Structures are given as C-alpha cells and as structure tokens.
Amino acid sequence: MEVEGNNTTISKDHTDDISYDLAAKYWSGIPATVDGMLGGFGFISHTDIQGSLKFLRQLFKMRGPPGRRQALDCGAGIGRVSKNLLIQNFEKVDLVEQNPVFLEHAKNYIGPCDKVGEFYNFGLQDFIPETAKYDVIWSQWVLGHLTDEHFIQFFKRCMQVHPNSLKPSGVIVVKENLSSEDVEIDPVDSSVTRPHALLRHLFQQAGLNCFKEAKQSSLPSGLYEVRMFALRPSRWTSTGEPRLIDETVTSTS
C-alpha cells in the first residue's frame, strides 16, 4: 500500500509484522491494572480521560450530535475508558476485549453499575457489532494490533447498510498514537504505530469521513503524538455535515 501525504510515503504492507497469537501471548503476561493497560504510563490516565471528555462534549454540542444512550468500548482492557469516560456520558456501555482475564477483571474494576451492558470476548478482527445499536463506537489504543485489511473490515462491519451497528446520528471515535513518518513496528507486543497519512487513508478505504480531529495535549515528552478522530460513514455526509476541524485538546484537572 502506498500513501503520500505530509511528505510521507508508505509503500510497505506490514501485515506480516502483526501476529494475533503473539499479541494475545504478550497481553496474557500483563497485569490487569491501569498501569498495565497503559504500558507503565498509568499516571497519564487522568490527562487522557480529560482530553477525551472535552472531545466528546464537543461532539455532543455540534449540529446533529450523537445520542447518549449506548456506547461501545473497543479494546476495553479492564474497562478504564468505560468506567472513567463512557459510563459517565451514556446510559449503557458494552465492552469488547480479546483478553478474557481483563474482561473478567473489568467487572470488579468498574464495580456494580446498571450502566454496564454486554461483555464481548473477541478481538476486533473477529467482532461483529449488533445492528443499529450504538450512538458512539469508541476505539482507543487498539487499532495498532490490526492488520490494515482487518482495520478496514472492522469499520466496514460497523457501518454496513444492512445491518448498521451505528445509529443514524452515530459517531465512531478513534484515539491512537501516531508515528512521525513511516509505520513503526513493535515486535514485543506485535503491533504497529501508523503515521497520520496512513490512518486517514485507511479511514477513507473503510468508507469513513473524518469531520473532526484533535491532538491530545499535556502528555509527557518522549511519547507518541496522540490524536482523536470523529468519523461518520461517507454516505451520510451532506452539505450540512460539519467541516473538518483540526485542533489541540487541552486537558483540565
């Protein structure tokens, strides 16, 4: 696959660099803690959640906002994003996670809560969301474990005409690390970090229109740039759809 943009050319298909079995083995050795979920950077969790909350609130304020009934947390881990962000803003939250230990631990981490819906034990490469169910599908720090092909296929499954996992006003939010130029490979956890141009290209290939984008601020130096993308199916785009907004989200305590 070759993508040109921002002086970046990506010409190698990195499918062979991703192994779902190796990734599952890696995560099976990671403790079911916030620090484990964040690769030893548990101290950034509050900053991350505050940036996500600001981004989500902006989506709720736009014309034609998503509803607030049901959300899906993709690559949920122990439920950090569900507990601290999604449950605070939606009536019901489902979690999908490939590691059964993390998913079981999420029940204790989140605690008794009638806002928690289903727990799905699947990798995103195999997961098929239910029809017309979700107002927001939130995917954070998990897409690097998918091949380009499965990345595209997953989002296509989220927005097929019949069925359609998104509600008519639904939004897909992606929050991911970005490499500066080419794809960067992590052989330890069998994942890749994609540059901005490739992510945008994959969204387009999946039939998604990015109408809002923001950079997460206040992260420690030395970490990857983190960006949030608000996406809707391209076929839903009309002249009334918000134009792409690119900004930096400043976290507040």
C-alpha atoms as a PDB file:
ATOM      1  CA  MET A   1       0.000   0.000   0.000  1.00  0.00           C
ATOM      2  CA  GLU A   2       1.398   3.390  -0.934  1.00  0.00           C
ATOM      3  CA  VAL A   3       0.105   6.589   0.622  1.00  0.00           C
ATOM      4  CA  GLU A   4       1.545  10.031   0.148  1.00  0.00           C
ATOM      5  CA  GLY A   5       0.880  12.938   2.465  1.00  0.00           C
ATOM      6  CA  ASN A   6       2.714  15.325   4.773  1.00  0.00           C
ATOM      7  CA  ASN A   7       5.967  14.420   2.979  1.00  0.00           C
ATOM      8  CA  THR A   8       5.436  10.774   3.949  1.00  0.00           C
ATOM      9  CA  THR A   9       5.415   7.826   1.593  1.00  0.00           C
ATOM     10  CA  ILE A  10       4.306   4.452   2.927  1.00  0.00           C
ATOM     11  CA  SER A  11       4.945   1.661   0.489  1.00  0.00           C
ATOM     12  CA  LYS A  12       5.195  -1.496   2.617  1.00  0.00           C
ATOM     13  CA  ASP A  13       2.314  -3.690   3.704  1.00  0.00           C
ATOM     14  CA  HIS A  14       3.036  -4.501   7.350  1.00  0.00           C
ATOM     15  CA  THR A  15       0.510  -7.308   7.634  1.00  0.00           C
ATOM     16  CA  ASP A  16       3.320  -9.820   8.181  1.00  0.00           C
ATOM     17  CA  ASP A  17       4.534  -7.810  11.181  1.00  0.00           C
ATOM     18  CA  ILE A  18       1.288  -8.393  13.098  1.00  0.00           C
ATOM     19  CA  SER A  19       0.523 -11.710  14.765  1.00  0.00           C
ATOM     20  CA  TYR A  20      -2.701 -12.023  16.744  1.00  0.00           C
ATOM     21  CA  ASP A  21      -1.331 -15.062  18.566  1.00  0.00           C
ATOM     22  CA  LEU A  22       1.837 -13.251  19.638  1.00  0.00           C
ATOM     23  CA  ALA A  23      -0.161 -10.206  20.716  1.00  0.00           C
ATOM     24  CA  ALA A  24      -2.504 -12.365  22.796  1.00  0.00           C
ATOM     25  CA  LYS A  25       0.501 -14.066  24.402  1.00  0.00           C
ATOM     26  CA  TYR A  26       2.044 -10.687  25.227  1.00  0.00           C
ATOM     27  CA  TRP A  27      -1.113  -9.340  26.851  1.00  0.00           C
ATOM     28  CA  SER A  28      -1.601 -12.554  28.807  1.00  0.00           C
ATOM     29  CA  GLY A  29       1.534 -11.607  30.734  1.00  0.00           C
ATOM     30  CA  ILE A  30       0.449  -8.049  31.506  1.00  0.00           C
ATOM     31  CA  PRO A  31      -1.110  -7.276  34.915  1.00  0.00           C
ATOM     32  CA  ALA A  32      -4.788  -6.309  34.906  1.00  0.00           C
ATOM     33  CA  THR A  33      -4.135  -2.807  36.214  1.00  0.00           C
ATOM     34  CA  VAL A  34      -4.369   0.706  34.806  1.00  0.00           C
ATOM     35  CA  ASP A  35      -0.578   0.797  34.695  1.00  0.00           C
ATOM     36  CA  GLY A  36      -0.574  -2.475  32.777  1.00  0.00           C
ATOM     37  CA  MET A  37      -3.140  -1.222  30.278  1.00  0.00           C
ATOM     38  CA  LEU A  38      -1.062   1.896  29.637  1.00  0.00           C
ATOM     39  CA  GLY A  39       2.309   0.213  29.285  1.00  0.00           C
ATOM     40  CA  GLY A  40       3.695   1.539  32.546  1.00  0.00           C
ATOM     41  CA  PHE A  41       2.334   5.048  31.971  1.00  0.00           C
ATOM     42  CA  GLY A  42      -0.669   4.777  34.272  1.00  0.00           C
ATOM     43  CA  PHE A  43      -0.008   8.300  35.520  1.00  0.00           C
ATOM     44  CA  ILE A  44      -1.250   9.739  32.200  1.00  0.00           C
ATOM     45  CA  SER A  45      -4.728   8.221  32.630  1.00  0.00           C
ATOM     46  CA  HIS A  46      -6.320  11.347  34.100  1.00  0.00           C
ATOM     47  CA  THR A  47      -4.875  13.587  31.380  1.00  0.00           C
ATOM     48  CA  ASP A  48      -6.043  11.152  28.714  1.00  0.00           C
ATOM     49  CA  ILE A  49      -9.575  10.930  30.103  1.00  0.00           C
ATOM     50  CA  GLN A  50      -9.894  14.701  30.432  1.00  0.00           C
ATOM     51  CA  GLY A  51      -8.826  15.197  26.817  1.00  0.00           C
ATOM     52  CA  SER A  52     -11.292  12.554  25.666  1.00  0.00           C
ATOM     53  CA  LEU A  53     -14.070  14.114  27.730  1.00  0.00           C
ATOM     54  CA  LYS A  54     -13.523  17.525  26.158  1.00  0.00           C
ATOM     55  CA  PHE A  55     -13.575  15.983  22.683  1.00  0.00           C
ATOM     56  CA  LEU A  56     -16.753  14.028  23.448  1.00  0.00           C
ATOM     57  CA  ARG A  57     -18.504  17.096  24.848  1.00  0.00           C
ATOM     58  CA  GLN A  58     -17.699  18.969  21.654  1.00  0.00           C
ATOM     59  CA  LEU A  59     -19.377  16.200  19.667  1.00  0.00           C
ATOM     60  CA  PHE A  60     -22.492  16.459  21.821  1.00  0.00           C
ATOM     61  CA  LYS A  61     -22.653  20.208  21.133  1.00  0.00           C
ATOM     62  CA  MET A  62     -22.368  20.032  17.342  1.00  0.00           C
ATOM     63  CA  ARG A  63     -25.285  20.133  14.944  1.00  0.00           C
ATOM     64  CA  GLY A  64     -26.658  16.612  14.523  1.00  0.00           C
ATOM     65  CA  PRO A  65     -24.914  15.240  17.626  1.00  0.00           C
ATOM     66  CA  PRO A  66     -24.715  11.569  18.532  1.00  0.00           C
ATOM     67  CA  GLY A  67     -27.215  10.272  21.058  1.00  0.00           C
ATOM     68  CA  ARG A  68     -26.249   9.398  24.611  1.00  0.00           C
ATOM     69  CA  ARG A  69     -27.982   6.074  25.043  1.00  0.00           C
ATOM     70  CA  GLN A  70     -25.408   3.413  24.076  1.00  0.00           C
ATOM     71  CA  ALA A  71     -21.645   3.251  23.522  1.00  0.00           C
ATOM     72  CA  LEU A  72     -19.181   0.508  22.630  1.00  0.00           C
ATOM     73  CA  ASP A  73     -15.680   0.422  24.137  1.00  0.00           C
ATOM     74  CA  CYS A  74     -13.336  -1.338  21.679  1.00  0.00           C
ATOM     75  CA  GLY A  75     -10.215  -2.966  23.087  1.00  0.00           C
ATOM     76  CA  ALA A  76     -11.634  -2.205  26.518  1.00  0.00           C
ATOM     77  CA  GLY A  77      -8.981  -3.915  28.618  1.00  0.00           C
ATOM     78  CA  ILE A  78     -10.034  -3.689  32.266  1.00  0.00           C
ATOM     79  CA  GLY A  79     -12.603  -1.002  31.470  1.00  0.00           C
ATOM     80  CA  ARG A  80     -10.550   2.124  32.168  1.00  0.00           C
ATOM     81  CA  VAL A  81     -12.211   4.171  29.423  1.00  0.00           C
ATOM     82  CA  SER A  82     -15.629   2.680  30.130  1.00  0.00           C
ATOM     83  CA  LYS A  83     -15.503   3.496  33.842  1.00  0.00           C
ATOM     84  CA  ASN A  84     -13.969   6.953  33.672  1.00  0.00           C
ATOM     85  CA  LEU A  85     -15.464   8.302  30.438  1.00  0.00           C
ATOM     86  CA  LEU A  86     -18.213   6.365  28.712  1.00  0.00           C
ATOM     87  CA  ILE A  87     -20.301   5.334  31.725  1.00  0.00           C
ATOM     88  CA  GLN A  88     -20.327   8.982  32.792  1.00  0.00           C
ATOM     89  CA  ASN A  89     -21.861  10.038  29.473  1.00  0.00           C
ATOM     90  CA  PHE A  90     -24.041   7.163  28.224  1.00  0.00           C
ATOM     91  CA  GLU A  91     -26.955   5.176  29.594  1.00  0.00           C
ATOM     92  CA  LYS A  92     -25.395   1.852  28.627  1.00  0.00           C
ATOM     93  CA  VAL A  93     -21.874   0.770  27.676  1.00  0.00           C
ATOM     94  CA  ASP A  94     -20.770  -2.520  26.091  1.00  0.00           C
ATOM     95  CA  LEU A  95     -17.150  -3.681  26.245  1.00  0.00           C
ATOM     96  CA  VAL A  96     -15.257  -5.786  23.693  1.00  0.00           C
ATOM     97  CA  GLU A  97     -11.849  -7.191  24.632  1.00  0.00           C
ATOM     98  CA  GLN A  98      -9.792 -10.151  23.384  1.00  0.00           C
ATOM     99  CA  ASN A  99      -8.260 -10.999  26.781  1.00  0.00           C
ATOM    100  CA  PRO A 100     -10.758 -12.904  28.983  1.00  0.00           C
ATOM    101  CA  VAL A 101      -8.821 -12.131  32.180  1.00  0.00           C
ATOM    102  CA  PHE A 102      -9.005  -8.386  31.516  1.00  0.00           C
ATOM    103  CA  LEU A 103     -12.693  -8.637  30.714  1.00  0.00           C
ATOM    104  CA  GLU A 104     -13.418 -10.511  33.936  1.00  0.00           C
ATOM    105  CA  HIS A 105     -11.347  -8.003  35.901  1.00  0.00           C
ATOM    106  CA  ALA A 106     -13.320  -5.157  34.309  1.00  0.00           C
ATOM    107  CA  LYS A 107     -16.395  -6.316  36.216  1.00  0.00           C
ATOM    108  CA  ASN A 108     -14.564  -5.727  39.502  1.00  0.00           C
ATOM    109  CA  TYR A 109     -12.739  -2.582  38.361  1.00  0.00           C
ATOM    110  CA  ILE A 110     -15.948  -0.904  37.222  1.00  0.00           C
ATOM    111  CA  GLY A 111     -17.952  -2.320  40.117  1.00  0.00           C
ATOM    112  CA  PRO A 112     -21.717  -2.711  40.406  1.00  0.00           C
ATOM    113  CA  CYS A 113     -23.238  -0.466  37.758  1.00  0.00           C
ATOM    114  CA  ASP A 114     -26.516  -0.764  35.887  1.00  0.00           C
ATOM    115  CA  LYS A 115     -24.985   1.175  33.005  1.00  0.00           C
ATOM    116  CA  VAL A 116     -22.730  -1.726  32.043  1.00  0.00           C
ATOM    117  CA  GLY A 117     -24.194  -3.806  29.242  1.00  0.00           C
ATOM    118  CA  GLU A 118     -22.538  -6.715  27.453  1.00  0.00           C
ATOM    119  CA  PHE A 119     -19.000  -8.065  27.798  1.00  0.00           C
ATOM    120  CA  TYR A 120     -17.784  -9.433  24.444  1.00  0.00           C
ATOM    121  CA  ASN A 121     -14.662 -11.622  24.479  1.00  0.00           C
ATOM    122  CA  PHE A 122     -13.395 -11.063  20.917  1.00  0.00           C
ATOM    123  CA  GLY A 123     -10.525  -9.463  19.091  1.00  0.00           C
ATOM    124  CA  LEU A 124     -11.731  -6.698  16.780  1.00  0.00           C
ATOM    125  CA  GLN A 125     -10.650  -8.759  13.769  1.00  0.00           C
ATOM    126  CA  ASP A 126     -13.434 -11.227  14.666  1.00  0.00           C
ATOM    127  CA  PHE A 127     -16.018  -8.990  16.323  1.00  0.00           C
ATOM    128  CA  ILE A 128     -19.343  -8.253  14.621  1.00  0.00           C
ATOM    129  CA  PRO A 129     -21.250  -5.429  16.363  1.00  0.00           C
ATOM    130  CA  GLU A 130     -25.003  -5.678  16.772  1.00  0.00           C
ATOM    131  CA  THR A 131     -27.344  -3.906  14.386  1.00  0.00           C
ATOM    132  CA  ALA A 132     -28.326  -0.234  14.869  1.00  0.00           C
ATOM    133  CA  LYS A 133     -27.246  -0.254  18.484  1.00  0.00           C
ATOM    134  CA  TYR A 134     -24.551   2.318  19.144  1.00  0.00           C
ATOM    135  CA  ASP A 135     -24.538   6.092  19.363  1.00  0.00           C
ATOM    136  CA  VAL A 136     -20.762   6.120  19.778  1.00  0.00           C
ATOM    137  CA  ILE A 137     -18.208   3.421  18.992  1.00  0.00           C
ATOM    138  CA  TRP A 138     -15.031   4.343  20.885  1.00  0.00           C
ATOM    139  CA  SER A 139     -11.781   2.718  19.746  1.00  0.00           C
ATOM    140  CA  GLN A 140      -8.649   3.690  21.656  1.00  0.00           C
ATOM    141  CA  TRP A 141      -5.091   2.352  21.548  1.00  0.00           C
ATOM    142  CA  VAL A 142      -6.099  -0.945  19.965  1.00  0.00           C
ATOM    143  CA  LEU A 143      -6.060  -0.499  16.178  1.00  0.00           C
ATOM    144  CA  GLY A 144      -2.298  -0.946  16.057  1.00  0.00           C
ATOM    145  CA  HIS A 145      -2.939  -4.628  16.696  1.00  0.00           C
ATOM    146  CA  LEU A 146      -4.992  -4.959  13.498  1.00  0.00           C
ATOM    147  CA  THR A 147      -3.617  -5.508  10.017  1.00  0.00           C
ATOM    148  CA  ASP A 148      -4.607  -2.834   7.504  1.00  0.00           C
ATOM    149  CA  GLU A 149      -7.108  -5.228   5.962  1.00  0.00           C
ATOM    150  CA  HIS A 150      -8.760  -6.106   9.265  1.00  0.00           C
ATOM    151  CA  PHE A 151      -8.717  -2.424  10.282  1.00  0.00           C
ATOM    152  CA  ILE A 152     -10.780  -1.606   7.195  1.00  0.00           C
ATOM    153  CA  GLN A 153     -13.043  -4.636   7.539  1.00  0.00           C
ATOM    154  CA  PHE A 154     -13.841  -3.906  11.183  1.00  0.00           C
ATOM    155  CA  PHE A 155     -15.081  -0.407  10.441  1.00  0.00           C
ATOM    156  CA  LYS A 156     -16.983  -1.586   7.401  1.00  0.00           C
ATOM    157  CA  ARG A 157     -18.800  -4.049   9.664  1.00  0.00           C
ATOM    158  CA  CYS A 158     -19.647  -1.163  11.974  1.00  0.00           C
ATOM    159  CA  MET A 159     -21.488   0.700   9.233  1.00  0.00           C
ATOM    160  CA  GLN A 160     -22.834  -1.694   6.652  1.00  0.00           C
ATOM    161  CA  VAL A 161     -26.152  -0.560   5.187  1.00  0.00           C
ATOM    162  CA  HIS A 162     -27.885  -3.735   6.323  1.00  0.00           C
ATOM    163  CA  PRO A 163     -27.093  -4.199   9.160  1.00  0.00           C
ATOM    164  CA  ASN A 164     -25.673  -0.973  10.551  1.00  0.00           C
ATOM    165  CA  SER A 165     -24.154  -1.004  14.037  1.00  0.00           C
ATOM    166  CA  LEU A 166     -24.211   2.786  14.246  1.00  0.00           C
ATOM    167  CA  LYS A 167     -27.454   4.614  14.854  1.00  0.00           C
ATOM    168  CA  PRO A 168     -28.375   7.236  12.217  1.00  0.00           C
ATOM    169  CA  SER A 169     -26.633  10.031  14.138  1.00  0.00           C
ATOM    170  CA  GLY A 170     -23.869   7.789  15.459  1.00  0.00           C
ATOM    171  CA  VAL A 171     -20.169   8.616  15.547  1.00  0.00           C
ATOM    172  CA  ILE A 172     -17.046   6.468  15.572  1.00  0.00           C
ATOM    173  CA  VAL A 173     -14.219   7.911  17.661  1.00  0.00           C
ATOM    174  CA  VAL A 174     -10.670   6.710  17.146  1.00  0.00           C
ATOM    175  CA  LYS A 175      -7.907   7.723  19.549  1.00  0.00           C
ATOM    176  CA  GLU A 176      -4.468   6.492  18.566  1.00  0.00           C
ATOM    177  CA  ASN A 177      -0.740   7.081  18.741  1.00  0.00           C
ATOM    178  CA  LEU A 178       0.789   8.483  15.552  1.00  0.00           C
ATOM    179  CA  SER A 179       4.283   7.867  14.256  1.00  0.00           C
ATOM    180  CA  SER A 180       6.062  10.811  12.696  1.00  0.00           C
ATOM    181  CA  GLU A 181       6.812   9.302   9.290  1.00  0.00           C
ATOM    182  CA  ASP A 182       6.694   5.619   8.399  1.00  0.00           C
ATOM    183  CA  VAL A 183       4.935   2.755  10.154  1.00  0.00           C
ATOM    184  CA  GLU A 184       6.802   1.794  13.326  1.00  0.00           C
ATOM    185  CA  ILE A 185       6.795  -1.844  14.397  1.00  0.00           C
ATOM    186  CA  ASP A 186       6.835  -3.129  17.971  1.00  0.00           C
ATOM    187  CA  PRO A 187       7.893  -6.783  17.844  1.00  0.00           C
ATOM    188  CA  VAL A 188       7.353  -7.177  21.594  1.00  0.00           C
ATOM    189  CA  ASP A 189       3.555  -6.814  21.548  1.00  0.00           C
ATOM    190  CA  SER A 190       3.188  -7.414  17.787  1.00  0.00           C
ATOM    191  CA  SER A 191       1.686  -4.033  16.972  1.00  0.00           C
ATOM    192  CA  VAL A 192       2.303  -1.139  14.611  1.00  0.00           C
ATOM    193  CA  THR A 193       2.074   2.616  15.038  1.00  0.00           C
ATOM    194  CA  ARG A 194       0.824   4.305  11.892  1.00  0.00           C
ATOM    195  CA  PRO A 195       1.527   7.828  10.629  1.00  0.00           C
ATOM    196  CA  HIS A 196      -1.265  10.346  10.173  1.00  0.00           C
ATOM    197  CA  ALA A 197      -1.429   9.944   6.392  1.00  0.00           C
ATOM    198  CA  LEU A 198      -1.928   6.190   6.600  1.00  0.00           C
ATOM    199  CA  LEU A 199      -4.621   6.409   9.271  1.00  0.00           C
ATOM    200  CA  ARG A 200      -6.562   8.919   7.197  1.00  0.00           C
ATOM    201  CA  HIS A 201      -6.134   6.699   4.139  1.00  0.00           C
ATOM    202  CA  LEU A 202      -7.479   3.656   6.000  1.00  0.00           C
ATOM    203  CA  PHE A 203     -10.482   5.641   7.215  1.00  0.00           C
ATOM    204  CA  GLN A 204     -11.202   6.588   3.616  1.00  0.00           C
ATOM    205  CA  GLN A 205     -10.795   2.990   2.454  1.00  0.00           C
ATOM    206  CA  ALA A 206     -13.294   1.915   5.097  1.00  0.00           C
ATOM    207  CA  GLY A 207     -15.810   4.471   3.807  1.00  0.00           C
ATOM    208  CA  LEU A 208     -15.445   6.846   6.737  1.00  0.00           C
ATOM    209  CA  ASN A 209     -15.435  10.636   6.663  1.00  0.00           C
ATOM    210  CA  CYS A 210     -13.336  12.379   9.323  1.00  0.00           C
ATOM    211  CA  PHE A 211     -15.162  15.573  10.286  1.00  0.00           C
ATOM    212  CA  LYS A 212     -13.316  16.446  13.484  1.00  0.00           C
ATOM    213  CA  GLU A 213      -9.777  15.844  14.646  1.00  0.00           C
ATOM    214  CA  ALA A 214      -7.900  16.935  17.747  1.00  0.00           C
ATOM    215  CA  LYS A 215      -4.476  16.450  19.276  1.00  0.00           C
ATOM    216  CA  GLN A 216      -4.236  15.303  22.882  1.00  0.00           C
ATOM    217  CA  SER A 217      -2.182  17.801  24.845  1.00  0.00           C
ATOM    218  CA  SER A 218      -0.265  17.708  28.136  1.00  0.00           C
ATOM    219  CA  LEU A 219       1.337  14.307  27.617  1.00  0.00           C
ATOM    220  CA  PRO A 220       4.944  13.795  28.767  1.00  0.00           C
ATOM    221  CA  SER A 221       7.674  14.466  26.254  1.00  0.00           C
ATOM    222  CA  GLY A 222       9.065  11.433  24.521  1.00  0.00           C
ATOM    223  CA  LEU A 223       5.686   9.783  23.957  1.00  0.00           C
ATOM    224  CA  TYR A 224       3.988   9.417  20.599  1.00  0.00           C
ATOM    225  CA  GLU A 225       1.674  12.151  19.408  1.00  0.00           C
ATOM    226  CA  VAL A 226      -1.910  11.126  20.229  1.00  0.00           C
ATOM    227  CA  ARG A 227      -4.875  12.247  18.135  1.00  0.00           C
ATOM    228  CA  MET A 228      -8.629  11.795  18.267  1.00  0.00           C
ATOM    229  CA  PHE A 229     -10.721  11.421  15.123  1.00  0.00           C
ATOM    230  CA  ALA A 230     -14.512  11.731  14.865  1.00  0.00           C
ATOM    231  CA  LEU A 231     -15.833   9.693  11.948  1.00  0.00           C
ATOM    232  CA  ARG A 232     -19.102   9.026  10.183  1.00  0.00           C
ATOM    233  CA  PRO A 233     -19.878   6.920   7.115  1.00  0.00           C
ATOM    234  CA  SER A 234     -19.066   8.887   3.980  1.00  0.00           C
ATOM    235  CA  ARG A 235     -22.505   8.132   2.545  1.00  0.00           C
ATOM    236  CA  TRP A 236     -24.066  10.036   5.460  1.00  0.00           C
ATOM    237  CA  THR A 237     -22.110  13.176   4.642  1.00  0.00           C
ATOM    238  CA  SER A 238     -24.230  16.050   3.395  1.00  0.00           C
ATOM    239  CA  THR A 239     -23.757  19.740   2.806  1.00  0.00           C
ATOM    240  CA  GLY A 240     -24.843  20.200   6.404  1.00  0.00           C
ATOM    241  CA  GLU A 241     -22.116  17.958   7.806  1.00  0.00           C
ATOM    242  CA  PRO A 242     -19.548  19.842   9.910  1.00  0.00           C
ATOM    243  CA  ARG A 243     -16.333  20.636   8.110  1.00  0.00           C
ATOM    244  CA  LEU A 244     -13.121  19.036   9.327  1.00  0.00           C
ATOM    245  CA  ILE A 245     -11.878  20.788  12.426  1.00  0.00           C
ATOM    246  CA  ASP A 246      -8.279  20.181  13.478  1.00  0.00           C
ATOM    247  CA  GLU A 247      -7.321  21.418  16.917  1.00  0.00           C
ATOM    248  CA  THR A 248      -5.479  20.600  20.112  1.00  0.00           C
ATOM    249  CA  VAL A 249      -7.491  19.420  23.093  1.00  0.00           C
ATOM    250  CA  THR A 250      -6.167  20.908  26.314  1.00  0.00           C
ATOM    251  CA  SER A 251      -6.840  18.753  29.351  1.00  0.00           C
ATOM    252  CA  THR A 252      -8.118  20.337  32.531  1.00  0.00           C
ATOM    253  CA  SER A 253      -7.931  18.889  36.003  1.00  0.00           C
END
